[in-house]
Amino acid sequence: MDKYIATKPVRFDRNYEVGEEIPADVINPKMLNRLIEARKITVVTGPDETLELLNETVENSLEEIEILLGMDFGEKPDLGVRLAICRDKIIEIITPTGNTAESGTAQFTCSICGKVFSNKTGLSAHMKAHK
């Protein structure tokens, strides 16, 4: 059975937030293809196992990112919190360090091993070695 999931906030019989399931009977069949093409909703075909598999895939990918970043949460907070922490850690990794006014050039430091680079390109290339 097909399930319709809001990928953007939409209004039918009521407001649906991103990720909420929308009952098929509230969607105008004539508008269904347009809503899908506009990426307002997405169709999940199959049993509930499909959604569980999708959630499991996201969870596994996030765990791999956490390992690469050297993060250990112990007791894991919810998925949204973990994503936000990983995003902040990645921003911290690519943010220049040092005072550009004093030295005249920015320094980019790898937060994993501490190696310093004079440009973002060098740091970016170096980060691939940590994968």
Protein backbone atom coordinates (compact mmCIF):
# COMPACT_ATOMS: atom_id res chain seq x y z
CA MET A 1 0.00 0.00 0.00
CA ASP A 2 1.28 3.45 -0.89
CA LYS A 3 1.95 5.99 1.83
CA TYR A 4 2.24 9.71 1.20
CA ILE A 5 4.78 11.62 3.27
CA ALA A 6 5.09 15.43 3.40
CA THR A 7 8.55 16.57 2.25
CA LYS A 8 7.57 20.22 2.72
CA PRO A 9 4.89 21.74 4.94
CA VAL A 10 1.54 21.26 3.15
CA ARG A 11 -2.13 21.86 3.88
CA PHE A 12 -4.97 19.53 2.97
CA ASP A 13 -7.64 18.88 5.59
CA ARG A 14 -5.14 20.32 8.09
CA ASN A 15 -1.49 21.41 8.15
CA TYR A 16 1.05 18.60 7.72
CA GLU A 17 4.65 19.07 8.80
CA VAL A 18 7.69 17.59 7.07
CA GLY A 19 7.82 13.83 7.63
CA GLU A 20 4.15 13.42 8.54
CA GLU A 21 2.10 10.78 6.79
CA ILE A 22 -0.80 12.18 4.75
CA PRO A 23 -3.93 10.04 4.37
CA ALA A 24 -4.61 9.21 0.71
CA ASP A 25 -8.24 10.26 0.97
CA VAL A 26 -7.40 13.94 1.66
CA ILE A 27 -5.21 14.31 -1.47
CA ASN A 28 -6.98 15.30 -4.68
CA PRO A 29 -6.08 12.52 -7.17
CA LYS A 30 -5.82 15.11 -9.97
CA MET A 31 -3.12 16.99 -8.02
CA LEU A 32 -1.15 13.94 -6.87
CA ASN A 33 1.41 13.91 -9.71
CA ARG A 34 1.93 17.68 -9.49
CA LEU A 35 2.56 17.50 -5.76
CA ILE A 36 5.09 14.71 -6.27
CA GLU A 37 6.84 16.57 -9.13
CA ALA A 38 6.97 19.74 -7.01
CA ARG A 39 8.52 17.63 -4.25
CA LYS A 40 5.84 18.65 -1.76
CA ILE A 41 5.08 15.00 -1.00
CA THR A 42 6.78 11.69 -1.63
CA VAL A 43 5.31 8.25 -2.12
CA VAL A 44 6.56 5.30 -0.11
CA THR A 45 5.47 2.06 -1.71
CA GLY A 46 5.36 -1.15 0.21
CA PRO A 47 4.90 -2.25 3.78
CA ASP A 48 6.03 -0.45 6.91
CA GLU A 49 9.34 -2.31 6.67
CA THR A 50 10.34 0.16 3.93
CA LEU A 51 10.18 3.07 6.37
CA GLU A 52 12.03 1.05 9.00
CA LEU A 53 14.74 0.21 6.45
CA LEU A 54 15.06 3.90 5.52
CA ASN A 55 15.42 4.89 9.19
CA GLU A 56 17.96 2.11 9.74
CA THR A 57 20.00 3.31 6.73
CA VAL A 58 20.07 6.88 8.06
CA GLU A 59 21.08 5.60 11.50
CA ASN A 60 23.93 3.48 10.07
CA SER A 61 25.20 6.36 7.93
CA LEU A 62 25.20 8.69 10.93
CA GLU A 63 27.14 6.13 12.98
CA GLU A 64 29.79 5.97 10.23
CA ILE A 65 30.08 9.78 10.22
CA GLU A 66 30.42 9.79 14.01
CA ILE A 67 33.23 7.23 13.81
CA LEU A 68 35.04 9.30 11.15
CA LEU A 69 34.72 12.40 13.32
CA GLY A 70 35.96 10.53 16.39
CA MET A 71 32.76 11.14 18.32
CA ASP A 72 31.40 8.85 21.02
CA PHE A 73 28.05 9.70 22.54
CA GLY A 74 27.87 6.74 24.91
CA GLU A 75 24.13 6.75 25.46
CA LYS A 76 22.93 8.14 22.14
CA PRO A 77 20.69 11.23 22.11
CA ASP A 78 17.92 11.38 19.51
CA LEU A 79 18.71 11.51 15.79
CA GLY A 80 18.15 15.27 15.37
CA VAL A 81 20.53 16.13 18.20
CA ARG A 82 23.18 13.78 16.80
CA LEU A 83 22.86 15.32 13.33
CA ALA A 84 23.24 18.83 14.76
CA ILE A 85 26.33 17.86 16.77
CA CYS A 86 27.93 16.23 13.72
CA ARG A 87 27.18 19.32 11.62
CA ASP A 88 28.81 21.56 14.23
CA LYS A 89 31.86 19.27 14.40
CA ILE A 90 32.26 19.35 10.60
CA ILE A 91 32.00 23.17 10.61
CA GLU A 92 34.63 23.24 13.37
CA ILE A 93 36.94 21.06 11.25
CA ILE A 94 36.76 23.32 8.18
CA THR A 95 36.76 26.68 9.99
CA PRO A 96 40.08 28.54 9.80
CA THR A 97 42.05 28.96 13.00
CA GLY A 98 44.58 31.58 14.00
CA ASN A 99 44.43 35.34 13.62
CA THR A 100 44.66 36.45 10.00
CA ALA A 101 45.45 40.03 11.05
CA GLU A 102 48.62 38.98 12.89
CA SER A 103 50.06 36.52 10.40
CA GLY A 104 48.58 37.96 7.20
CA THR A 105 47.31 34.52 6.11
CA ALA A 106 44.66 32.19 7.45
CA GLN A 107 45.62 28.86 8.90
CA PHE A 108 43.43 25.79 8.59
CA THR A 109 44.00 23.11 11.20
CA CYS A 110 42.85 19.50 11.00
CA SER A 111 40.91 18.86 14.19
CA ILE A 112 41.70 15.15 13.99
CA CYS A 113 45.51 15.18 13.82
CA GLY A 114 46.36 18.87 14.30
CA LYS A 115 48.22 19.38 11.00
CA VAL A 116 48.10 23.01 9.81
CA PHE A 117 47.39 24.10 6.22
CA SER A 118 47.55 27.50 4.56
CA ASN A 119 44.35 27.01 2.51
CA LYS A 120 41.04 25.15 2.57
CA THR A 121 41.95 23.06 -0.45
CA GLY A 122 44.92 21.54 1.32
CA LEU A 123 42.84 20.77 4.41
CA SER A 124 40.06 19.29 2.29
CA ALA A 125 42.47 17.01 0.44
CA HIS A 126 44.08 16.02 3.74
CA MET A 127 40.70 15.11 5.31
CA LYS A 128 40.28 12.35 2.72
CA ALA A 129 43.27 10.60 4.30
CA HIS A 130 41.27 10.22 7.55
CA LYS A 131 38.45 8.28 5.85
